[in-house]
């Protein structure tokens, strides 16, 4: 319960500063692409 409460507190801190993001996917297609994934994160 302490671990869960601490995790909720850390996520709440990030969420209040708009630092929590939910994306559909970071890579499109069926092949890995580091360049595409990093470009998605930078955006």
ModelCIF file with pLDDT and N, C-alpha, C, O atoms, coordinates in Angstrom:
data_MODEL
#
_entry.id   MODEL 
#
_entity.id                         1 
_entity.type                       polymer 
_entity.pdbx_number_of_molecules   1 
#
_entity_poly.entity_id                      1 
_entity_poly.type                           'polypeptide(L)' 
_entity_poly.nstd_linkage                   no 
_entity_poly.nstd_monomer                   no 
_entity_poly.pdbx_seq_one_letter_code       
;(UNK)(UNK)(UNK)(UNK)(UNK)(UNK)(UNK)(UNK)(UNK)(UNK)(UNK)(UNK)(UNK)(UNK)(UNK)(UNK)
(UNK)(UNK)(UNK)(UNK)(UNK)(UNK)(UNK)(UNK)(UNK)(UNK)(UNK)(UNK)(UNK)(UNK)(UNK)(UNK)
(UNK)(UNK)(UNK)(UNK)(UNK)(UNK)(UNK)(UNK)(UNK)(UNK)(UNK)
;
_entity_poly.pdbx_seq_one_letter_code_can   XXXXXXXXXXXXXXXXXXXXXXXXXXXXXXXXXXXXXXXXXXX 
_entity_poly.pdbx_strand_id                 A 
#
loop_
_entity_poly_seq.entity_id 
_entity_poly_seq.num 
_entity_poly_seq.mon_id 
_entity_poly_seq.hetero 
1 1  UNK n 
1 2  UNK n 
1 3  UNK n 
1 4  UNK n 
1 5  UNK n 
1 6  UNK n 
1 7  UNK n 
1 8  UNK n 
1 9  UNK n 
1 10 UNK n 
1 11 UNK n 
1 12 UNK n 
1 13 UNK n 
1 14 UNK n 
1 15 UNK n 
1 16 UNK n 
1 17 UNK n 
1 18 UNK n 
1 19 UNK n 
1 20 UNK n 
1 21 UNK n 
1 22 UNK n 
1 23 UNK n 
1 24 UNK n 
1 25 UNK n 
1 26 UNK n 
1 27 UNK n 
1 28 UNK n 
1 29 UNK n 
1 30 UNK n 
1 31 UNK n 
1 32 UNK n 
1 33 UNK n 
1 34 UNK n 
1 35 UNK n 
1 36 UNK n 
1 37 UNK n 
1 38 UNK n 
1 39 UNK n 
1 40 UNK n 
1 41 UNK n 
1 42 UNK n 
1 43 UNK n 
#
_struct_asym.id          A 
_struct_asym.entity_id   1 
#
loop_
_ma_qa_metric.id 
_ma_qa_metric.mode 
_ma_qa_metric.name 
_ma_qa_metric.software_group_id 
_ma_qa_metric.type 
1 global pLDDT . pLDDT 
2 local  pLDDT . pLDDT 
#
_ma_qa_metric_global.metric_id      1 
_ma_qa_metric_global.metric_value   93.42 
_ma_qa_metric_global.model_id       1 
_ma_qa_metric_global.ordinal_id     1 
#
loop_
_ma_qa_metric_local.label_asym_id 
_ma_qa_metric_local.label_comp_id 
_ma_qa_metric_local.label_seq_id 
_ma_qa_metric_local.metric_id 
_ma_qa_metric_local.metric_value 
_ma_qa_metric_local.model_id 
_ma_qa_metric_local.ordinal_id 
A UNK 1  2 94.00 1 1  
A UNK 2  2 96.00 1 2  
A UNK 3  2 95.00 1 3  
A UNK 4  2 95.00 1 4  
A UNK 5  2 95.00 1 5  
A UNK 6  2 96.00 1 6  
A UNK 7  2 96.00 1 7  
A UNK 8  2 95.00 1 8  
A UNK 9  2 96.00 1 9  
A UNK 10 2 96.00 1 10 
A UNK 11 2 96.00 1 11 
A UNK 12 2 95.00 1 12 
A UNK 13 2 95.00 1 13 
A UNK 14 2 95.00 1 14 
A UNK 15 2 94.00 1 15 
A UNK 16 2 94.00 1 16 
A UNK 17 2 92.00 1 17 
A UNK 18 2 92.00 1 18 
A UNK 19 2 94.00 1 19 
A UNK 20 2 95.00 1 20 
A UNK 21 2 94.00 1 21 
A UNK 22 2 94.00 1 22 
A UNK 23 2 93.00 1 23 
A UNK 24 2 92.00 1 24 
A UNK 25 2 91.00 1 25 
A UNK 26 2 92.00 1 26 
A UNK 27 2 91.00 1 27 
A UNK 28 2 88.00 1 28 
A UNK 29 2 85.00 1 29 
A UNK 30 2 87.00 1 30 
A UNK 31 2 92.00 1 31 
A UNK 32 2 94.00 1 32 
A UNK 33 2 94.00 1 33 
A UNK 34 2 95.00 1 34 
A UNK 35 2 94.00 1 35 
A UNK 36 2 93.00 1 36 
A UNK 37 2 94.00 1 37 
A UNK 38 2 94.00 1 38 
A UNK 39 2 93.00 1 39 
A UNK 40 2 93.00 1 40 
A UNK 41 2 93.00 1 41 
A UNK 42 2 93.00 1 42 
A UNK 43 2 92.00 1 43 
#
loop_
_atom_site.group_PDB 
_atom_site.id 
_atom_site.type_symbol 
_atom_site.label_atom_id 
_atom_site.label_alt_id 
_atom_site.label_comp_id 
_atom_site.label_asym_id 
_atom_site.label_entity_id 
_atom_site.label_seq_id 
_atom_site.pdbx_PDB_ins_code 
_atom_site.Cartn_x 
_atom_site.Cartn_y 
_atom_site.Cartn_z 
_atom_site.occupancy 
_atom_site.B_iso_or_equiv 
_atom_site.pdbx_formal_charge 
_atom_site.auth_seq_id 
_atom_site.auth_comp_id 
_atom_site.auth_asym_id 
_atom_site.auth_atom_id 
_atom_site.pdbx_PDB_model_num 
ATOM 1   N N  . UNK A 1 1  ? 0.832  -1.207 0.000   1.00 94.00 ? 1  UNK A N  1 
ATOM 2   C CA . UNK A 1 1  ? 0.000  0.000  0.000   1.00 94.00 ? 1  UNK A CA 1 
ATOM 3   C C  . UNK A 1 1  ? 0.869  1.261  0.000   1.00 94.00 ? 1  UNK A C  1 
ATOM 4   O O  . UNK A 1 1  ? 0.496  2.272  -0.594  1.00 94.00 ? 1  UNK A O  1 
ATOM 5   N N  . UNK A 1 2  ? 2.013  1.200  0.658   1.00 96.00 ? 2  UNK A N  1 
ATOM 6   C CA . UNK A 1 2  ? 2.920  2.343  0.641   1.00 96.00 ? 2  UNK A CA 1 
ATOM 7   C C  . UNK A 1 2  ? 3.486  2.558  -0.766  1.00 96.00 ? 2  UNK A C  1 
ATOM 8   O O  . UNK A 1 2  ? 3.563  3.691  -1.243  1.00 96.00 ? 2  UNK A O  1 
ATOM 9   N N  . UNK A 1 3  ? 3.881  1.465  -1.426  1.00 95.00 ? 3  UNK A N  1 
ATOM 10  C CA . UNK A 1 3  ? 4.396  1.585  -2.798  1.00 95.00 ? 3  UNK A CA 1 
ATOM 11  C C  . UNK A 1 3  ? 3.335  2.163  -3.733  1.00 95.00 ? 3  UNK A C  1 
ATOM 12  O O  . UNK A 1 3  ? 3.628  3.030  -4.556  1.00 95.00 ? 3  UNK A O  1 
ATOM 13  N N  . UNK A 1 4  ? 2.108  1.677  -3.601  1.00 95.00 ? 4  UNK A N  1 
ATOM 14  C CA . UNK A 1 4  ? 1.033  2.153  -4.465  1.00 95.00 ? 4  UNK A CA 1 
ATOM 15  C C  . UNK A 1 4  ? 0.743  3.630  -4.210  1.00 95.00 ? 4  UNK A C  1 
ATOM 16  O O  . UNK A 1 4  ? 0.527  4.389  -5.155  1.00 95.00 ? 4  UNK A O  1 
ATOM 17  N N  . UNK A 1 5  ? 0.736  4.042  -2.942  1.00 95.00 ? 5  UNK A N  1 
ATOM 18  C CA . UNK A 1 5  ? 0.466  5.441  -2.617  1.00 95.00 ? 5  UNK A CA 1 
ATOM 19  C C  . UNK A 1 5  ? 1.583  6.349  -3.133  1.00 95.00 ? 5  UNK A C  1 
ATOM 20  O O  . UNK A 1 5  ? 1.314  7.442  -3.630  1.00 95.00 ? 5  UNK A O  1 
ATOM 21  N N  . UNK A 1 6  ? 2.828  5.903  -3.018  1.00 96.00 ? 6  UNK A N  1 
ATOM 22  C CA . UNK A 1 6  ? 3.949  6.699  -3.521  1.00 96.00 ? 6  UNK A CA 1 
ATOM 23  C C  . UNK A 1 6  ? 3.887  6.830  -5.041  1.00 96.00 ? 6  UNK A C  1 
ATOM 24  O O  . UNK A 1 6  ? 4.162  7.902  -5.580  1.00 96.00 ? 6  UNK A O  1 
ATOM 25  N N  . UNK A 1 7  ? 3.531  5.751  -5.736  1.00 96.00 ? 7  UNK A N  1 
ATOM 26  C CA . UNK A 1 7  ? 3.416  5.812  -7.196  1.00 96.00 ? 7  UNK A CA 1 
ATOM 27  C C  . UNK A 1 7  ? 2.309  6.763  -7.616  1.00 96.00 ? 7  UNK A C  1 
ATOM 28  O O  . UNK A 1 7  ? 2.483  7.528  -8.565  1.00 96.00 ? 7  UNK A O  1 
ATOM 29  N N  . UNK A 1 8  ? 1.177  6.729  -6.930  1.00 95.00 ? 8  UNK A N  1 
ATOM 30  C CA . UNK A 1 8  ? 0.092  7.660  -7.253  1.00 95.00 ? 8  UNK A CA 1 
ATOM 31  C C  . UNK A 1 8  ? 0.528  9.108  -7.042  1.00 95.00 ? 8  UNK A C  1 
ATOM 32  O O  . UNK A 1 8  ? 0.174  9.991  -7.823  1.00 95.00 ? 8  UNK A O  1 
ATOM 33  N N  . UNK A 1 9  ? 1.302  9.345  -5.976  1.00 96.00 ? 9  UNK A N  1 
ATOM 34  C CA . UNK A 1 9  ? 1.786  10.699 -5.723  1.00 96.00 ? 9  UNK A CA 1 
ATOM 35  C C  . UNK A 1 9  ? 2.737  11.175 -6.803  1.00 96.00 ? 9  UNK A C  1 
ATOM 36  O O  . UNK A 1 9  ? 2.655  12.324 -7.237  1.00 96.00 ? 9  UNK A O  1 
ATOM 37  N N  . UNK A 1 10 ? 3.649  10.297 -7.249  1.00 96.00 ? 10 UNK A N  1 
ATOM 38  C CA . UNK A 1 10 ? 4.597  10.675 -8.306  1.00 96.00 ? 10 UNK A CA 1 
ATOM 39  C C  . UNK A 1 10 ? 3.868  10.941 -9.624  1.00 96.00 ? 10 UNK A C  1 
ATOM 40  O O  . UNK A 1 10 ? 4.176  11.911 -10.316 1.00 96.00 ? 10 UNK A O  1 
ATOM 41  N N  . UNK A 1 11 ? 2.914  10.095 -9.970  1.00 96.00 ? 11 UNK A N  1 
ATOM 42  C CA . UNK A 1 11 ? 2.149  10.306 -11.203 1.00 96.00 ? 11 UNK A CA 1 
ATOM 43  C C  . UNK A 1 11 ? 1.302  11.581 -11.128 1.00 96.00 ? 11 UNK A C  1 
ATOM 44  O O  . UNK A 1 11 ? 1.136  12.281 -12.127 1.00 96.00 ? 11 UNK A O  1 
ATOM 45  N N  . UNK A 1 12 ? 0.774  11.874 -9.948  1.00 95.00 ? 12 UNK A N  1 
ATOM 46  C CA . UNK A 1 12 ? -0.023 13.089 -9.787  1.00 95.00 ? 12 UNK A CA 1 
ATOM 47  C C  . UNK A 1 12 ? 0.839  14.330 -9.986  1.00 95.00 ? 12 UNK A C  1 
ATOM 48  O O  . UNK A 1 12 ? 0.398  15.310 -10.587 1.00 95.00 ? 12 UNK A O  1 
ATOM 49  N N  . UNK A 1 13 ? 2.075  14.282 -9.476  1.00 95.00 ? 13 UNK A N  1 
ATOM 50  C CA . UNK A 1 13 ? 2.981  15.410 -9.671  1.00 95.00 ? 13 UNK A CA 1 
ATOM 51  C C  . UNK A 1 13 ? 3.268  15.635 -11.152 1.00 95.00 ? 13 UNK A C  1 
ATOM 52  O O  . UNK A 1 13 ? 3.273  16.775 -11.617 1.00 95.00 ? 13 UNK A O  1 
ATOM 53  N N  . UNK A 1 14 ? 3.508  14.559 -11.892 1.00 95.00 ? 14 UNK A N  1 
ATOM 54  C CA . UNK A 1 14 ? 3.763  14.690 -13.322 1.00 95.00 ? 14 UNK A CA 1 
ATOM 55  C C  . UNK A 1 14 ? 2.510  15.151 -14.076 1.00 95.00 ? 14 UNK A C  1 
ATOM 56  O O  . UNK A 1 14 ? 2.600  15.955 -15.004 1.00 95.00 ? 14 UNK A O  1 
ATOM 57  N N  . UNK A 1 15 ? 1.353  14.643 -13.675 1.00 94.00 ? 15 UNK A N  1 
ATOM 58  C CA . UNK A 1 15 ? 0.120  15.004 -14.377 1.00 94.00 ? 15 UNK A CA 1 
ATOM 59  C C  . UNK A 1 15 ? -0.233 16.467 -14.167 1.00 94.00 ? 15 UNK A C  1 
ATOM 60  O O  . UNK A 1 15 ? -0.736 17.115 -15.085 1.00 94.00 ? 15 UNK A O  1 
ATOM 61  N N  . UNK A 1 16 ? 0.022  17.003 -12.969 1.00 94.00 ? 16 UNK A N  1 
ATOM 62  C CA . UNK A 1 16 ? -0.298 18.415 -12.714 1.00 94.00 ? 16 UNK A CA 1 
ATOM 63  C C  . UNK A 1 16 ? 0.554  19.357 -13.551 1.00 94.00 ? 16 UNK A C  1 
ATOM 64  O O  . UNK A 1 16 ? 0.171  20.503 -13.784 1.00 94.00 ? 16 UNK A O  1 
ATOM 65  N N  . UNK A 1 17 ? 1.700  18.882 -13.999 1.00 92.00 ? 17 UNK A N  1 
ATOM 66  C CA . UNK A 1 17 ? 2.572  19.699 -14.834 1.00 92.00 ? 17 UNK A CA 1 
ATOM 67  C C  . UNK A 1 17 ? 2.506  19.299 -16.311 1.00 92.00 ? 17 UNK A C  1 
ATOM 68  O O  . UNK A 1 17 ? 3.405  19.608 -17.093 1.00 92.00 ? 17 UNK A O  1 
ATOM 69  N N  . UNK A 1 18 ? 1.421  18.604 -16.675 1.00 92.00 ? 18 UNK A N  1 
ATOM 70  C CA . UNK A 1 18 ? 1.193  18.181 -18.074 1.00 92.00 ? 18 UNK A CA 1 
ATOM 71  C C  . UNK A 1 18 ? 2.353  17.355 -18.605 1.00 92.00 ? 18 UNK A C  1 
ATOM 72  O O  . UNK A 1 18 ? 2.802  17.552 -19.734 1.00 92.00 ? 18 UNK A O  1 
ATOM 73  N N  . UNK A 1 19 ? 2.831  16.436 -17.790 1.00 94.00 ? 19 UNK A N  1 
ATOM 74  C CA . UNK A 1 19 ? 3.949  15.591 -18.208 1.00 94.00 ? 19 UNK A CA 1 
ATOM 75  C C  . UNK A 1 19 ? 3.556  14.122 -18.322 1.00 94.00 ? 19 UNK A C  1 
ATOM 76  O O  . UNK A 1 19 ? 4.421  13.248 -18.376 1.00 94.00 ? 19 UNK A O  1 
ATOM 77  N N  . UNK A 1 20 ? 2.272  13.852 -18.357 1.00 95.00 ? 20 UNK A N  1 
ATOM 78  C CA . UNK A 1 20 ? 1.766  12.501 -18.600 1.00 95.00 ? 20 UNK A CA 1 
ATOM 79  C C  . UNK A 1 20 ? 1.062  12.509 -19.950 1.00 95.00 ? 20 UNK A C  1 
ATOM 80  O O  . UNK A 1 20 ? 0.141  13.295 -20.173 1.00 95.00 ? 20 UNK A O  1 
ATOM 81  N N  . UNK A 1 21 ? 1.496  11.634 -20.845 1.00 94.00 ? 21 UNK A N  1 
ATOM 82  C CA . UNK A 1 21 ? 0.946  11.591 -22.203 1.00 94.00 ? 21 UNK A CA 1 
ATOM 83  C C  . UNK A 1 21 ? 0.459  10.174 -22.508 1.00 94.00 ? 21 UNK A C  1 
ATOM 84  O O  . UNK A 1 21 ? 1.064  9.188  -22.088 1.00 94.00 ? 21 UNK A O  1 
ATOM 85  N N  . UNK A 1 22 ? -0.633 10.097 -23.237 1.00 94.00 ? 22 UNK A N  1 
ATOM 86  C CA . UNK A 1 22 ? -1.165 8.816  -23.699 1.00 94.00 ? 22 UNK A CA 1 
ATOM 87  C C  . UNK A 1 22 ? -1.221 8.882  -25.227 1.00 94.00 ? 22 UNK A C  1 
ATOM 88  O O  . UNK A 1 22 ? -1.850 9.776  -25.792 1.00 94.00 ? 22 UNK A O  1 
ATOM 89  N N  . UNK A 1 23 ? -0.564 7.936  -25.886 1.00 93.00 ? 23 UNK A N  1 
ATOM 90  C CA . UNK A 1 23 ? -0.507 7.938  -27.350 1.00 93.00 ? 23 UNK A CA 1 
ATOM 91  C C  . UNK A 1 23 ? -1.094 6.638  -27.886 1.00 93.00 ? 23 UNK A C  1 
ATOM 92  O O  . UNK A 1 23 ? -1.116 5.610  -27.207 1.00 93.00 ? 23 UNK A O  1 
ATOM 93  N N  . UNK A 1 24 ? -1.559 6.717  -29.098 1.00 92.00 ? 24 UNK A N  1 
ATOM 94  C CA . UNK A 1 24 ? -2.103 5.525  -29.738 1.00 92.00 ? 24 UNK A CA 1 
ATOM 95  C C  . UNK A 1 24 ? -0.986 4.527  -30.023 1.00 92.00 ? 24 UNK A C  1 
ATOM 96  O O  . UNK A 1 24 ? -1.130 3.336  -29.749 1.00 92.00 ? 24 UNK A O  1 
ATOM 97  N N  . UNK A 1 25 ? 0.123  5.010  -30.569 1.00 91.00 ? 25 UNK A N  1 
ATOM 98  C CA . UNK A 1 25 ? 1.297  4.180  -30.852 1.00 91.00 ? 25 UNK A CA 1 
ATOM 99  C C  . UNK A 1 25 ? 2.463  5.108  -31.158 1.00 91.00 ? 25 UNK A C  1 
ATOM 100 O O  . UNK A 1 25 ? 2.265  6.235  -31.612 1.00 91.00 ? 25 UNK A O  1 
ATOM 101 N N  . UNK A 1 26 ? 3.660  4.641  -30.911 1.00 92.00 ? 26 UNK A N  1 
ATOM 102 C CA . UNK A 1 26 ? 4.856  5.420  -31.219 1.00 92.00 ? 26 UNK A CA 1 
ATOM 103 C C  . UNK A 1 26 ? 5.480  5.020  -32.550 1.00 92.00 ? 26 UNK A C  1 
ATOM 104 O O  . UNK A 1 26 ? 6.251  5.782  -33.133 1.00 92.00 ? 26 UNK A O  1 
ATOM 105 N N  . UNK A 1 27 ? 5.149  3.834  -33.026 1.00 91.00 ? 27 UNK A N  1 
ATOM 106 C CA . UNK A 1 27 ? 5.697  3.333  -34.289 1.00 91.00 ? 27 UNK A CA 1 
ATOM 107 C C  . UNK A 1 27 ? 4.546  2.787  -35.113 1.00 91.00 ? 27 UNK A C  1 
ATOM 108 O O  . UNK A 1 27 ? 3.730  2.013  -34.612 1.00 91.00 ? 27 UNK A O  1 
ATOM 109 N N  . UNK A 1 28 ? 4.477  3.182  -36.357 1.00 88.00 ? 28 UNK A N  1 
ATOM 110 C CA . UNK A 1 28 ? 3.459  2.648  -37.254 1.00 88.00 ? 28 UNK A CA 1 
ATOM 111 C C  . UNK A 1 28 ? 4.075  1.552  -38.121 1.00 88.00 ? 28 UNK A C  1 
ATOM 112 O O  . UNK A 1 28 ? 5.278  1.557  -38.384 1.00 88.00 ? 28 UNK A O  1 
ATOM 113 N N  . UNK A 1 29 ? 3.267  0.645  -38.547 1.00 85.00 ? 29 UNK A N  1 
ATOM 114 C CA . UNK A 1 29 ? 3.776  -0.451 -39.368 1.00 85.00 ? 29 UNK A CA 1 
ATOM 115 C C  . UNK A 1 29 ? 4.176  -1.639 -38.513 1.00 85.00 ? 29 UNK A C  1 
ATOM 116 O O  . UNK A 1 29 ? 3.949  -1.671 -37.303 1.00 85.00 ? 29 UNK A O  1 
ATOM 117 N N  . UNK A 1 30 ? 4.780  -2.620 -39.181 1.00 87.00 ? 30 UNK A N  1 
ATOM 118 C CA . UNK A 1 30 ? 5.139  -3.857 -38.496 1.00 87.00 ? 30 UNK A CA 1 
ATOM 119 C C  . UNK A 1 30 ? 6.649  -4.044 -38.385 1.00 87.00 ? 30 UNK A C  1 
ATOM 120 O O  . UNK A 1 30 ? 7.123  -5.147 -38.110 1.00 87.00 ? 30 UNK A O  1 
ATOM 121 N N  . UNK A 1 31 ? 7.413  -2.954 -38.601 1.00 92.00 ? 31 UNK A N  1 
ATOM 122 C CA . UNK A 1 31 ? 8.859  -3.028 -38.480 1.00 92.00 ? 31 UNK A CA 1 
ATOM 123 C C  . UNK A 1 31 ? 9.340  -2.011 -37.450 1.00 92.00 ? 31 UNK A C  1 
ATOM 124 O O  . UNK A 1 31 ? 8.817  -0.898 -37.396 1.00 92.00 ? 31 UNK A O  1 
ATOM 125 N N  . UNK A 1 32 ? 10.330 -2.374 -36.630 1.00 94.00 ? 32 UNK A N  1 
ATOM 126 C CA . UNK A 1 32 ? 10.871 -1.416 -35.648 1.00 94.00 ? 32 UNK A CA 1 
ATOM 127 C C  . UNK A 1 32 ? 11.556 -0.249 -36.346 1.00 94.00 ? 32 UNK A C  1 
ATOM 128 O O  . UNK A 1 32 ? 12.158 -0.411 -37.407 1.00 94.00 ? 32 UNK A O  1 
ATOM 129 N N  . UNK A 1 33 ? 11.457 0.927  -35.738 1.00 94.00 ? 33 UNK A N  1 
ATOM 130 C CA . UNK A 1 33 ? 12.121 2.118  -36.276 1.00 94.00 ? 33 UNK A CA 1 
ATOM 131 C C  . UNK A 1 33 ? 12.455 3.051  -35.122 1.00 94.00 ? 33 UNK A C  1 
ATOM 132 O O  . UNK A 1 33 ? 11.578 3.716  -34.572 1.00 94.00 ? 33 UNK A O  1 
ATOM 133 N N  . UNK A 1 34 ? 13.729 3.093  -34.763 1.00 95.00 ? 34 UNK A N  1 
ATOM 134 C CA . UNK A 1 34 ? 14.159 3.973  -33.685 1.00 95.00 ? 34 UNK A CA 1 
ATOM 135 C C  . UNK A 1 34 ? 13.980 5.438  -34.073 1.00 95.00 ? 34 UNK A C  1 
ATOM 136 O O  . UNK A 1 34 ? 13.566 6.257  -33.252 1.00 95.00 ? 34 UNK A O  1 
ATOM 137 N N  . UNK A 1 35 ? 14.288 5.759  -35.311 1.00 94.00 ? 35 UNK A N  1 
ATOM 138 C CA . UNK A 1 35 ? 14.152 7.140  -35.784 1.00 94.00 ? 35 UNK A CA 1 
ATOM 139 C C  . UNK A 1 35 ? 12.712 7.614  -35.679 1.00 94.00 ? 35 UNK A C  1 
ATOM 140 O O  . UNK A 1 35 ? 12.463 8.726  -35.212 1.00 94.00 ? 35 UNK A O  1 
ATOM 141 N N  . UNK A 1 36 ? 11.767 6.801  -36.101 1.00 93.00 ? 36 UNK A N  1 
ATOM 142 C CA . UNK A 1 36 ? 10.357 7.188  -36.056 1.00 93.00 ? 36 UNK A CA 1 
ATOM 143 C C  . UNK A 1 36 ? 9.860  7.295  -34.616 1.00 93.00 ? 36 UNK A C  1 
ATOM 144 O O  . UNK A 1 36 ? 9.098  8.205  -34.289 1.00 93.00 ? 36 UNK A O  1 
ATOM 145 N N  . UNK A 1 37 ? 10.288 6.371  -33.757 1.00 94.00 ? 37 UNK A N  1 
ATOM 146 C CA . UNK A 1 37 ? 9.839  6.396  -32.368 1.00 94.00 ? 37 UNK A CA 1 
ATOM 147 C C  . UNK A 1 37 ? 10.360 7.629  -31.646 1.00 94.00 ? 37 UNK A C  1 
ATOM 148 O O  . UNK A 1 37 ? 9.618  8.264  -30.896 1.00 94.00 ? 37 UNK A O  1 
ATOM 149 N N  . UNK A 1 38 ? 11.641 7.982  -31.864 1.00 94.00 ? 38 UNK A N  1 
ATOM 150 C CA . UNK A 1 38 ? 12.206 9.168  -31.226 1.00 94.00 ? 38 UNK A CA 1 
ATOM 151 C C  . UNK A 1 38 ? 11.556 10.442 -31.765 1.00 94.00 ? 38 UNK A C  1 
ATOM 152 O O  . UNK A 1 38 ? 11.312 11.384 -31.011 1.00 94.00 ? 38 UNK A O  1 
ATOM 153 N N  . UNK A 1 39 ? 11.280 10.470 -33.049 1.00 93.00 ? 39 UNK A N  1 
ATOM 154 C CA . UNK A 1 39 ? 10.597 11.635 -33.623 1.00 93.00 ? 39 UNK A CA 1 
ATOM 155 C C  . UNK A 1 39 ? 9.215  11.802 -33.013 1.00 93.00 ? 39 UNK A C  1 
ATOM 156 O O  . UNK A 1 39 ? 8.770  12.928 -32.791 1.00 93.00 ? 39 UNK A O  1 
ATOM 157 N N  . UNK A 1 40 ? 8.540  10.710 -32.743 1.00 93.00 ? 40 UNK A N  1 
ATOM 158 C CA . UNK A 1 40 ? 7.219  10.782 -32.120 1.00 93.00 ? 40 UNK A CA 1 
ATOM 159 C C  . UNK A 1 40 ? 7.319  11.330 -30.698 1.00 93.00 ? 40 UNK A C  1 
ATOM 160 O O  . UNK A 1 40 ? 6.473  12.120 -30.280 1.00 93.00 ? 40 UNK A O  1 
ATOM 161 N N  . UNK A 1 41 ? 8.340  10.922 -29.955 1.00 93.00 ? 41 UNK A N  1 
ATOM 162 C CA . UNK A 1 41 ? 8.515  11.421 -28.595 1.00 93.00 ? 41 UNK A CA 1 
ATOM 163 C C  . UNK A 1 41 ? 8.873  12.904 -28.591 1.00 93.00 ? 41 UNK A C  1 
ATOM 164 O O  . UNK A 1 41 ? 8.377  13.660 -27.755 1.00 93.00 ? 41 UNK A O  1 
ATOM 165 N N  . UNK A 1 42 ? 9.727  13.323 -29.516 1.00 93.00 ? 42 UNK A N  1 
ATOM 166 C CA . UNK A 1 42 ? 10.119 14.735 -29.592 1.00 93.00 ? 42 UNK A CA 1 
ATOM 167 C C  . UNK A 1 42 ? 8.918  15.618 -29.916 1.00 93.00 ? 42 UNK A C  1 
ATOM 168 O O  . UNK A 1 42 ? 8.855  16.764 -29.470 1.00 93.00 ? 42 UNK A O  1 
ATOM 169 N N  . UNK A 1 43 ? 7.974  15.100 -30.683 1.00 92.00 ? 43 UNK A N  1 
ATOM 170 C CA . UNK A 1 43 ? 6.786  15.889 -31.018 1.00 92.00 ? 43 UNK A CA 1 
ATOM 171 C C  . UNK A 1 43 ? 5.862  16.091 -29.817 1.00 92.00 ? 43 UNK A C  1 
ATOM 172 O O  . UNK A 1 43 ? 4.821  16.735 -29.941 1.00 92.00 ? 43 UNK A O  1 
#
